[in-house]
Amino acid sequence: MRKIIVLLLTLLIVISCSDEFSLAENDIDLTKDWEETVGVFSNLNLHDRKHYIRISRGFAGNNFFLSNTNPDSIYFDPSQIEVNLYKIRVHQIVDGIITEADTLGVYPCRDTILPKDTLGMFYTDEVPLWYAETKAFSVTNADDLYVGLQIITPNREISSFTNMIPETEFVYPNQFLPRFPIENNTFDARIRLPRLSQIYRVEGNCSYFEITKINGITDTTLKTFNFLVGSRRINDPVEDYGETYLWRVSTDIFYSGIERDVLQNGDTVNTIARILDGISFSGYAGNADLALISTGLSVISGFSDEPIHFSNIRNGLGYFSAFAQFNTKKFPYSYETIDSVVNAYGGKYYFRRDYE
């Protein structure tokens, strides 16, 4: 008999208003041709106000995950299921069981449909999702805080929970830096690793103005593009606040990013000038659940259609994880950086200095 052994975190809400959680194993029998199986996929950005959950219905067979990447996947009628998120504070854990906890908030989820272009993560053109709106998931101290998930279908109750990640910051660049230099062979980005985090990603967010002239009318458009600074996964969750990590990256990713964006997204016919605007950085720190999931996925945030080899969903399959997002302000480029871009791309792509 083929089975998937699922590591689960069980959410039990008891009448006494204290919540009990347990760590156990769950066997899902995949040998039955038509046993209904619920797929749950959610990676919460604790910085956001909206939190999305993908819920699909499949039938256990040769490969449940492959069947769920089919555009004809079966989704539940929204009127037949109930979905809730919880904010939970844990007081005591004994032998892997949370024996005492408080529910700090309950957030009913609503159904919606988003176009694929909004997410860029699924094979289907439109994605049925559930979402909850809350401001309560961004915290400075998350040692005892969790997000719980409960899904009630006509045939079963599905649940999971995942720990929160506290807010953190960039050590460099910091808010006091007047301009960001990126004209040398390398540039730096350093983040402070938040407690309980285990996986990280940093991106650069660049912008420039594109000035076009069509039929004598001049128009200016702000263009933006992103590039990956670096990613990292460590062996165990961070225990002590204050540890940092430095990425020292070749500036080639910045200059090649400019050229790629101009060629792919710019107006190569009517542009008369381009002027650099600024650069900011975004960081993402994921919890242990996300780190474990990422061993089989190529993404740190959002959803994915890729088959996974880890599940923390009780009475279902999939994943429930969380990450914290943190950002810098937008920095003007250093004058040397502006000069280097104008020297490299002024003749070819019409980049000009804004201080001439």
Protein backbone atom coordinates (compact mmCIF):
# COMPACT_ATOMS: atom_id res chain seq x y z
CA MET A 1 0.00 0.00 0.00
CA ARG A 2 1.42 3.38 -1.01
CA LYS A 3 0.94 6.16 1.52
CA ILE A 4 2.23 9.66 2.07
CA ILE A 5 3.34 10.23 5.65
CA VAL A 6 2.43 13.80 6.51
CA LEU A 7 3.94 15.76 9.37
CA LEU A 8 1.03 17.69 10.80
CA LEU A 9 0.31 20.27 13.43
CA THR A 10 -3.21 19.69 14.71
CA LEU A 11 -5.48 22.53 15.74
CA LEU A 12 -8.16 21.68 18.29
CA ILE A 13 -10.47 24.39 19.56
CA VAL A 14 -12.07 23.35 22.84
CA ILE A 15 -15.09 24.67 24.65
CA SER A 16 -13.01 26.14 27.47
CA CYS A 17 -11.72 28.78 25.00
CA SER A 18 -8.14 27.54 25.34
CA ASP A 19 -6.63 26.04 22.19
CA GLU A 20 -4.75 22.75 22.07
CA PHE A 21 -2.28 21.82 19.35
CA SER A 22 -0.54 18.50 18.83
CA LEU A 23 2.34 17.17 16.74
CA ALA A 24 1.50 13.83 15.13
CA GLU A 25 1.55 11.83 11.90
CA ASN A 26 -1.25 11.55 9.40
CA ASP A 27 -1.57 8.78 6.80
CA ILE A 28 -3.34 9.61 3.54
CA ASP A 29 -4.18 6.52 1.54
CA LEU A 30 -3.49 7.12 -2.16
CA THR A 31 -4.57 3.66 -3.31
CA LYS A 32 -8.27 4.48 -3.38
CA ASP A 33 -9.26 5.67 -6.84
CA TRP A 34 -11.90 8.15 -5.71
CA GLU A 35 -11.01 9.21 -2.20
CA GLU A 36 -11.48 12.96 -1.97
CA THR A 37 -8.31 14.80 -0.99
CA VAL A 38 -8.08 18.52 -0.22
CA GLY A 39 -5.09 20.48 -1.47
CA VAL A 40 -4.17 23.57 0.54
CA PHE A 41 -1.47 26.04 -0.52
CA SER A 42 -0.75 29.24 1.39
CA ASN A 43 2.42 31.18 2.12
CA LEU A 44 1.42 34.22 4.16
CA ASN A 45 3.22 37.52 3.74
CA LEU A 46 2.88 38.84 7.29
CA HIS A 47 3.55 42.36 5.99
CA ASP A 48 0.40 42.34 3.82
CA ARG A 49 -3.13 43.17 4.87
CA LYS A 50 -4.66 40.51 2.61
CA HIS A 51 -3.74 36.86 3.09
CA TYR A 52 -4.57 34.38 0.31
CA ILE A 53 -5.21 30.64 0.49
CA ARG A 54 -5.61 28.29 -2.45
CA ILE A 55 -7.95 25.36 -1.79
CA SER A 56 -8.60 22.66 -4.39
CA ARG A 57 -10.31 19.30 -4.39
CA GLY A 58 -8.69 16.25 -5.93
CA PHE A 59 -9.05 12.51 -5.84
CA ALA A 60 -6.23 10.38 -4.50
CA GLY A 61 -4.71 8.28 -7.25
CA ASN A 62 -1.41 7.98 -9.04
CA ASN A 63 -0.36 11.58 -8.47
CA PHE A 64 -2.59 14.04 -6.67
CA PHE A 65 -0.29 17.02 -7.19
CA LEU A 66 0.00 16.49 -10.94
CA SER A 67 -3.77 16.30 -11.22
CA ASN A 68 -4.05 19.62 -9.40
CA THR A 69 -1.82 21.38 -11.96
CA ASN A 70 -4.41 20.57 -14.61
CA PRO A 71 -6.56 23.59 -15.59
CA ASP A 72 -9.62 21.37 -15.09
CA SER A 73 -8.89 20.91 -11.38
CA ILE A 74 -12.01 20.72 -9.24
CA TYR A 75 -12.69 23.52 -6.79
CA PHE A 76 -15.19 23.56 -3.97
CA ASP A 77 -18.45 25.46 -4.24
CA PRO A 78 -17.81 28.45 -1.93
CA SER A 79 -21.19 27.93 -0.30
CA GLN A 80 -20.16 24.43 0.81
CA ILE A 81 -17.02 25.25 2.80
CA GLU A 82 -15.94 27.53 5.63
CA VAL A 83 -12.42 28.95 5.89
CA ASN A 84 -10.93 30.81 8.86
CA LEU A 85 -7.55 32.18 9.89
CA TYR A 86 -6.58 32.53 13.56
CA LYS A 87 -3.99 34.52 15.46
CA ILE A 88 -2.81 32.39 18.39
CA ARG A 89 -0.57 33.04 21.40
CA VAL A 90 1.02 29.89 22.84
CA HIS A 91 1.72 29.61 26.57
CA GLN A 92 2.92 26.05 27.04
CA ILE A 93 4.27 23.15 24.98
CA VAL A 94 4.68 19.69 26.55
CA ASP A 95 6.23 16.80 24.57
CA GLY A 96 5.50 18.45 21.25
CA ILE A 97 1.92 19.33 22.23
CA ILE A 98 0.77 22.88 22.77
CA THR A 99 -1.36 22.41 25.85
CA GLU A 100 -2.22 26.03 26.59
CA ALA A 101 -2.87 28.85 24.15
CA ASP A 102 -5.17 31.80 23.55
CA THR A 103 -6.99 32.73 20.37
CA LEU A 104 -6.22 36.42 19.85
CA GLY A 105 -8.24 36.85 16.68
CA VAL A 106 -10.50 35.01 14.25
CA TYR A 107 -10.55 36.13 10.60
CA PRO A 108 -13.24 34.63 8.34
CA CYS A 109 -12.06 34.16 4.75
CA ARG A 110 -13.96 35.12 1.61
CA ASP A 111 -13.74 33.61 -1.83
CA THR A 112 -12.50 35.50 -4.87
CA ILE A 113 -11.11 34.89 -8.35
CA LEU A 114 -7.90 36.53 -9.50
CA PRO A 115 -6.47 36.51 -13.03
CA LYS A 116 -3.24 34.59 -13.49
CA ASP A 117 -1.38 37.74 -14.48
CA THR A 118 -2.00 39.17 -11.01
CA LEU A 119 -0.10 36.29 -9.43
CA GLY A 120 1.91 34.65 -12.19
CA MET A 121 2.11 31.42 -10.22
CA PHE A 122 -0.47 29.01 -11.66
CA TYR A 123 -1.11 27.29 -14.96
CA THR A 124 -4.77 28.33 -15.10
CA ASP A 125 -5.94 31.68 -16.50
CA GLU A 126 -8.06 32.40 -13.42
CA VAL A 127 -7.35 31.26 -9.88
CA PRO A 128 -10.12 30.72 -7.30
CA LEU A 129 -8.73 31.77 -3.92
CA TRP A 130 -9.81 32.50 -0.38
CA TYR A 131 -8.58 35.55 1.50
CA ALA A 132 -8.78 37.26 4.89
CA GLU A 133 -8.07 40.90 5.66
CA THR A 134 -6.20 41.79 8.84
CA LYS A 135 -3.51 44.14 10.12
CA ALA A 136 -2.64 41.90 13.04
CA PHE A 137 0.05 39.63 11.54
CA SER A 138 2.94 42.11 11.46
CA VAL A 139 4.66 41.89 14.87
CA THR A 140 7.91 42.95 16.55
CA ASN A 141 8.06 39.89 18.83
CA ALA A 142 6.75 36.59 17.46
CA ASP A 143 8.27 34.06 19.85
CA ASP A 144 4.90 32.67 20.94
CA LEU A 145 2.65 33.74 18.05
CA TYR A 146 1.21 31.49 15.36
CA VAL A 147 -1.28 31.73 12.51
CA GLY A 148 -3.83 28.93 12.47
CA LEU A 149 -5.88 27.74 9.49
CA GLN A 150 -9.21 25.91 9.60
CA ILE A 151 -11.15 24.63 6.57
CA ILE A 152 -14.50 22.87 6.98
CA THR A 153 -15.84 20.95 3.96
CA PRO A 154 -18.95 18.73 3.76
CA ASN A 155 -16.77 15.66 4.35
CA ARG A 156 -13.94 16.70 6.64
CA GLU A 157 -12.16 19.40 8.64
CA ILE A 158 -8.70 20.46 7.52
CA SER A 159 -6.32 22.45 9.72
CA SER A 160 -2.76 23.63 10.12
CA PHE A 161 -0.70 26.34 11.77
CA THR A 162 2.64 28.03 11.26
CA ASN A 163 4.75 30.35 13.40
CA MET A 164 5.05 34.07 12.79
CA ILE A 165 8.28 35.88 11.95
CA PRO A 166 8.98 39.25 13.65
CA GLU A 167 9.75 42.42 11.74
CA THR A 168 13.38 43.07 10.88
CA GLU A 169 15.50 45.51 8.89
CA PHE A 170 18.34 46.17 6.49
CA VAL A 171 21.61 46.97 8.22
CA TYR A 172 22.94 48.26 4.89
CA PRO A 173 21.75 50.27 3.13
CA ASN A 174 20.16 52.06 6.08
CA GLN A 175 17.86 55.07 6.13
CA PHE A 176 20.73 57.50 6.75
CA LEU A 177 22.52 56.74 3.49
CA PRO A 178 21.99 59.81 1.24
CA ARG A 179 22.70 58.11 -2.11
CA PHE A 180 23.33 54.52 -3.11
CA PRO A 181 26.62 53.75 -4.90
CA ILE A 182 26.54 50.98 -7.47
CA GLU A 183 29.27 52.12 -9.87
CA ASN A 184 32.10 49.83 -8.69
CA ASN A 185 32.63 46.13 -9.36
CA THR A 186 30.48 45.05 -6.39
CA PHE A 187 27.87 46.42 -4.00
CA ASP A 188 26.67 45.26 -0.57
CA ALA A 189 23.36 44.41 1.05
CA ARG A 190 23.22 43.28 4.67
CA ILE A 191 20.12 42.21 6.61
CA ARG A 192 19.44 41.45 10.26
CA LEU A 193 18.11 37.91 10.57
CA PRO A 194 14.89 37.82 12.63
CA ARG A 195 14.34 35.17 15.29
CA LEU A 196 12.67 31.95 14.09
CA SER A 197 13.59 32.63 10.45
CA GLN A 198 15.46 30.12 8.27
CA ILE A 199 15.27 31.19 4.62
CA TYR A 200 15.98 34.57 3.01
CA ARG A 201 15.78 36.49 -0.23
CA VAL A 202 16.79 40.05 -1.14
CA GLU A 203 15.77 41.93 -4.29
CA GLY A 204 16.75 45.28 -5.75
CA ASN A 205 13.97 47.53 -7.08
CA CYS A 206 15.18 50.03 -9.68
CA SER A 207 13.37 52.84 -11.46
CA TYR A 208 14.05 55.34 -14.23
CA PHE A 209 12.07 57.83 -16.29
CA GLU A 210 11.47 57.21 -19.97
CA ILE A 211 10.68 60.34 -21.98
CA THR A 212 8.97 59.86 -25.34
CA LYS A 213 7.84 62.23 -28.08
CA ILE A 214 4.98 61.20 -30.37
CA ASN A 215 3.40 63.61 -32.87
CA GLY A 216 5.03 66.52 -31.11
CA ILE A 217 3.66 65.53 -27.68
CA THR A 218 6.19 64.72 -24.96
CA ASP A 219 5.29 62.20 -22.28
CA THR A 220 7.20 60.85 -19.26
CA THR A 221 6.70 57.34 -17.83
CA LEU A 222 8.23 55.86 -14.69
CA LYS A 223 9.70 52.44 -15.52
CA THR A 224 10.64 49.86 -12.89
CA PHE A 225 12.49 46.56 -12.84
CA ASN A 226 13.73 44.14 -10.18
CA PHE A 227 16.79 41.93 -9.85
CA LEU A 228 17.80 39.23 -7.40
CA VAL A 229 20.53 40.28 -4.98
CA GLY A 230 20.75 36.87 -3.34
CA SER A 231 19.03 34.10 -1.41
CA ARG A 232 20.07 31.88 1.46
CA ARG A 233 18.79 28.95 3.48
CA ILE A 234 20.38 28.01 6.83
CA ASN A 235 20.29 24.68 8.64
CA ASP A 236 18.24 25.72 11.68
CA PRO A 237 15.96 28.62 12.64
CA VAL A 238 17.68 31.67 14.11
CA GLU A 239 17.63 31.70 17.92
CA ASP A 240 19.28 35.00 18.83
CA TYR A 241 18.28 38.39 17.48
CA GLY A 242 21.19 40.41 16.13
CA GLU A 243 22.81 38.00 13.70
CA THR A 244 23.32 39.51 10.25
CA TYR A 245 24.13 38.28 6.77
CA LEU A 246 25.98 40.10 3.99
CA TRP A 247 25.58 39.70 0.23
CA ARG A 248 28.42 41.18 -1.85
CA VAL A 249 27.18 41.14 -5.42
CA SER A 250 28.58 41.98 -8.84
CA THR A 251 27.19 45.22 -10.24
CA ASP A 252 26.74 43.42 -13.56
CA ILE A 253 23.25 42.37 -12.41
CA PHE A 254 22.29 46.05 -12.19
CA TYR A 255 23.66 47.10 -15.56
CA SER A 256 22.35 44.03 -17.36
CA GLY A 257 18.98 44.62 -15.67
CA ILE A 258 18.79 48.13 -17.09
CA GLU A 259 19.59 46.95 -20.61
CA ARG A 260 17.16 44.03 -20.40
CA ASP A 261 14.30 46.24 -19.20
CA VAL A 262 14.88 48.85 -21.91
CA LEU A 263 14.87 46.21 -24.65
CA GLN A 264 11.92 44.21 -23.28
CA ASN A 265 9.66 46.92 -21.84
CA GLY A 266 10.86 50.24 -23.19
CA ASP A 267 9.69 52.27 -26.16
CA THR A 268 12.62 51.75 -28.50
CA VAL A 269 11.09 53.90 -31.27
CA ASN A 270 9.83 57.13 -29.68
CA THR A 271 12.15 57.59 -26.68
CA ILE A 272 14.20 60.78 -26.67
CA ALA A 273 15.75 60.46 -23.19
CA ARG A 274 15.94 58.27 -20.10
CA ILE A 275 16.86 59.51 -16.61
CA LEU A 276 17.70 57.35 -13.59
CA ASP A 277 15.31 57.73 -10.64
CA GLY A 278 16.30 55.57 -7.66
CA ILE A 279 16.79 52.16 -6.08
CA SER A 280 15.27 50.43 -3.06
CA PHE A 281 15.65 46.95 -1.61
CA SER A 282 13.13 44.38 -0.40
CA GLY A 283 13.96 41.53 1.94
CA TYR A 284 12.03 38.36 2.77
CA ALA A 285 12.61 36.11 5.80
CA GLY A 286 10.70 32.83 5.92
CA ASN A 287 9.99 30.47 8.80
CA ALA A 288 11.03 26.82 9.21
CA ASP A 289 7.96 25.54 7.37
CA LEU A 290 8.84 27.62 4.32
CA ALA A 291 12.48 26.50 4.52
CA LEU A 292 11.40 22.87 4.50
CA ILE A 293 9.00 23.43 1.62
CA SER A 294 11.66 25.28 -0.38
CA THR A 295 13.81 22.17 -0.64
CA GLY A 296 11.40 21.03 -3.34
CA LEU A 297 10.32 24.40 -4.72
CA SER A 298 12.09 27.23 -6.50
CA VAL A 299 10.14 30.04 -4.84
CA ILE A 300 10.31 31.71 -1.46
CA SER A 301 7.04 33.59 -1.64
CA GLY A 302 3.56 33.12 -3.06
CA PHE A 303 2.04 29.93 -4.39
CA SER A 304 3.35 27.28 -6.75
CA ASP A 305 1.97 24.54 -8.98
CA GLU A 306 5.08 22.40 -8.53
CA PRO A 307 4.71 19.04 -6.76
CA ILE A 308 5.94 19.20 -3.17
CA HIS A 309 7.44 16.58 -0.88
CA PHE A 310 6.40 18.06 2.45
CA SER A 311 2.98 18.70 3.92
CA ASN A 312 1.89 20.22 7.21
CA ILE A 313 -1.82 20.06 6.46
CA ARG A 314 -3.97 17.86 8.71
CA ASN A 315 -6.55 15.82 6.72
CA GLY A 316 -5.19 17.22 3.45
CA LEU A 317 -2.07 17.83 1.40
CA GLY A 318 -0.08 20.97 0.74
CA TYR A 319 1.68 23.58 2.82
CA PHE A 320 0.94 26.46 5.19
CA SER A 321 3.89 28.78 5.89
CA ALA A 322 4.74 32.42 6.52
CA PHE A 323 7.41 35.03 5.88
CA ALA A 324 8.15 38.61 6.90
CA GLN A 325 8.85 41.31 4.32
CA PHE A 326 10.96 44.39 5.02
CA ASN A 327 11.98 47.26 2.76
CA THR A 328 14.36 50.18 2.52
CA LYS A 329 13.42 53.65 1.39
CA LYS A 330 14.13 54.64 -2.21
CA PHE A 331 17.68 55.99 -2.53
CA PRO A 332 18.83 58.34 -5.30
CA TYR A 333 21.75 56.90 -7.21
CA SER A 334 25.19 58.28 -6.48
CA TYR A 335 26.49 60.78 -9.03
CA GLU A 336 29.22 58.30 -9.98
CA THR A 337 26.56 55.65 -10.68
CA ILE A 338 24.62 58.05 -12.89
CA ASP A 339 27.79 58.92 -14.78
CA SER A 340 28.64 55.25 -15.30
CA VAL A 341 25.18 54.47 -16.72
CA VAL A 342 25.29 57.50 -19.02
CA ASN A 343 28.75 56.51 -20.22
CA ALA A 344 27.64 52.93 -20.88
CA TYR A 345 24.14 53.48 -22.27
CA GLY A 346 23.86 57.17 -23.13
CA GLY A 347 24.48 56.74 -26.82
CA LYS A 348 22.69 53.41 -27.19
CA TYR A 349 19.64 53.93 -24.94
CA TYR A 350 19.54 57.75 -24.48
CA PHE A 351 20.32 57.85 -20.76
CA ARG A 352 21.00 61.41 -19.60
CA ARG A 353 22.13 63.08 -16.38
CA ASP A 354 19.40 64.78 -14.35
CA TYR A 355 21.80 67.40 -12.98
CA GLU A 356 23.23 68.73 -16.23
